[in-house]
Amino acid sequence: IETSKRVKAWWFVAENGKLAVSVRYGTQVLELAKGKWAVEVPAEKDLPSVLEVLKTAVLEGELDAAMDGASKKLRAGFEK
């Protein structure tokens, strides 16, 4: 069975006109650093290298704390 699925965009154009990429855990956008919710991509051609850096950060556990916080927030929503 084939069905359509709406996928939320994980990129957007920032106010300065540059491409920005956010990282999600479920429906939650992860805070990558204090007050930083996205990575700015200098040019579209740089997107693959930025995604590789994000992949490496995930594999090395650098986003574990942010994912843990998002997970707790998500679970708290089900407890109500």
C-alpha atoms as a PDB file:
ATOM      1  CA  ILE A   1       0.000   0.000   0.000  1.00  0.00           C
ATOM      2  CA  GLU A   2       1.332   3.399  -0.940  1.00  0.00           C
ATOM      3  CA  THR A   3       0.292   6.474   0.972  1.00  0.00           C
ATOM      4  CA  SER A   4       1.271  10.107   1.060  1.00  0.00           C
ATOM      5  CA  LYS A   5       3.121  11.403   4.099  1.00  0.00           C
ATOM      6  CA  ARG A   6       3.689  15.042   4.910  1.00  0.00           C
ATOM      7  CA  VAL A   7       7.270  15.652   5.955  1.00  0.00           C
ATOM      8  CA  LYS A   8       8.090  18.824   7.873  1.00  0.00           C
ATOM      9  CA  ALA A   9      10.893  20.820   6.361  1.00  0.00           C
ATOM     10  CA  TRP A  10      14.128  20.695   8.366  1.00  0.00           C
ATOM     11  CA  TRP A  11      15.593  23.640   6.508  1.00  0.00           C
ATOM     12  CA  PHE A  12      14.537  27.242   6.037  1.00  0.00           C
ATOM     13  CA  VAL A  13      15.832  30.505   4.668  1.00  0.00           C
ATOM     14  CA  ALA A  14      17.037  32.755   7.506  1.00  0.00           C
ATOM     15  CA  GLU A  15      16.390  36.494   7.684  1.00  0.00           C
ATOM     16  CA  ASN A  16      19.803  37.158   6.131  1.00  0.00           C
ATOM     17  CA  GLY A  17      18.830  35.069   3.087  1.00  0.00           C
ATOM     18  CA  LYS A  18      21.085  32.106   3.914  1.00  0.00           C
ATOM     19  CA  LEU A  19      19.945  28.518   4.197  1.00  0.00           C
ATOM     20  CA  ALA A  20      19.624  27.184   7.750  1.00  0.00           C
ATOM     21  CA  VAL A  21      19.234  23.563   8.896  1.00  0.00           C
ATOM     22  CA  SER A  22      17.537  22.520  12.119  1.00  0.00           C
ATOM     23  CA  VAL A  23      17.843  19.116  13.805  1.00  0.00           C
ATOM     24  CA  ARG A  24      14.682  17.456  15.103  1.00  0.00           C
ATOM     25  CA  TYR A  25      14.023  14.737  17.638  1.00  0.00           C
ATOM     26  CA  GLY A  26      10.473  13.714  16.874  1.00  0.00           C
ATOM     27  CA  THR A  27       8.551  16.973  16.707  1.00  0.00           C
ATOM     28  CA  GLN A  28      11.047  18.876  18.850  1.00  0.00           C
ATOM     29  CA  VAL A  29      13.724  21.094  17.318  1.00  0.00           C
ATOM     30  CA  LEU A  30      16.950  20.460  19.227  1.00  0.00           C
ATOM     31  CA  GLU A  31      18.893  23.306  20.785  1.00  0.00           C
ATOM     32  CA  LEU A  32      22.351  22.744  19.323  1.00  0.00           C
ATOM     33  CA  ALA A  33      24.050  25.271  21.605  1.00  0.00           C
ATOM     34  CA  LYS A  34      22.768  27.813  24.103  1.00  0.00           C
ATOM     35  CA  GLY A  35      20.156  29.812  22.168  1.00  0.00           C
ATOM     36  CA  LYS A  36      21.119  28.180  18.835  1.00  0.00           C
ATOM     37  CA  TRP A  37      18.395  26.162  17.115  1.00  0.00           C
ATOM     38  CA  ALA A  38      19.850  25.816  13.613  1.00  0.00           C
ATOM     39  CA  VAL A  39      23.068  25.675  11.627  1.00  0.00           C
ATOM     40  CA  GLU A  40      23.599  28.348   8.984  1.00  0.00           C
ATOM     41  CA  VAL A  41      24.757  27.019   5.631  1.00  0.00           C
ATOM     42  CA  PRO A  42      26.901  29.540   3.708  1.00  0.00           C
ATOM     43  CA  ALA A  43      25.735  28.282   0.287  1.00  0.00           C
ATOM     44  CA  GLU A  44      23.579  25.459  -1.050  1.00  0.00           C
ATOM     45  CA  LYS A  45      26.712  23.702  -2.350  1.00  0.00           C
ATOM     46  CA  ASP A  46      27.966  23.498   1.267  1.00  0.00           C
ATOM     47  CA  LEU A  47      24.897  21.598   2.488  1.00  0.00           C
ATOM     48  CA  PRO A  48      26.377  18.076   2.117  1.00  0.00           C
ATOM     49  CA  SER A  49      29.425  18.974   4.236  1.00  0.00           C
ATOM     50  CA  VAL A  50      27.226  20.585   6.920  1.00  0.00           C
ATOM     51  CA  LEU A  51      25.068  17.448   7.027  1.00  0.00           C
ATOM     52  CA  GLU A  52      28.205  15.314   7.387  1.00  0.00           C
ATOM     53  CA  VAL A  53      29.314  17.441  10.360  1.00  0.00           C
ATOM     54  CA  LEU A  54      25.870  17.009  11.959  1.00  0.00           C
ATOM     55  CA  LYS A  55      25.984  13.257  11.326  1.00  0.00           C
ATOM     56  CA  THR A  56      29.395  13.024  12.968  1.00  0.00           C
ATOM     57  CA  ALA A  57      28.156  15.025  15.966  1.00  0.00           C
ATOM     58  CA  VAL A  58      25.220  12.652  16.404  1.00  0.00           C
ATOM     59  CA  LEU A  59      27.387   9.537  16.087  1.00  0.00           C
ATOM     60  CA  GLU A  60      29.889  10.903  18.617  1.00  0.00           C
ATOM     61  CA  GLY A  61      27.119  11.629  21.118  1.00  0.00           C
ATOM     62  CA  GLU A  62      27.437  15.409  21.024  1.00  0.00           C
ATOM     63  CA  LEU A  63      23.655  15.818  20.744  1.00  0.00           C
ATOM     64  CA  ASP A  64      22.758  13.217  23.390  1.00  0.00           C
ATOM     65  CA  ALA A  65      22.002  15.831  26.059  1.00  0.00           C
ATOM     66  CA  ALA A  66      19.740  17.780  23.707  1.00  0.00           C
ATOM     67  CA  MET A  67      17.956  14.589  22.622  1.00  0.00           C
ATOM     68  CA  ASP A  68      17.532  13.525  26.256  1.00  0.00           C
ATOM     69  CA  GLY A  69      15.911  16.871  27.094  1.00  0.00           C
ATOM     70  CA  ALA A  70      13.580  16.618  24.086  1.00  0.00           C
ATOM     71  CA  SER A  71      12.721  13.037  25.027  1.00  0.00           C
ATOM     72  CA  LYS A  72      11.800  14.027  28.589  1.00  0.00           C
ATOM     73  CA  LYS A  73       9.680  16.906  27.309  1.00  0.00           C
ATOM     74  CA  LEU A  74       7.913  14.585  24.883  1.00  0.00           C
ATOM     75  CA  ARG A  75       7.221  11.970  27.599  1.00  0.00           C
ATOM     76  CA  ALA A  76       5.920  14.663  29.949  1.00  0.00           C
ATOM     77  CA  GLY A  77       3.314  15.568  27.332  1.00  0.00           C
ATOM     78  CA  PHE A  78       1.921  12.010  27.419  1.00  0.00           C
ATOM     79  CA  GLU A  79       1.697  11.953  31.221  1.00  0.00           C
ATOM     80  CA  LYS A  80      -0.905  14.711  31.343  1.00  0.00           C
END
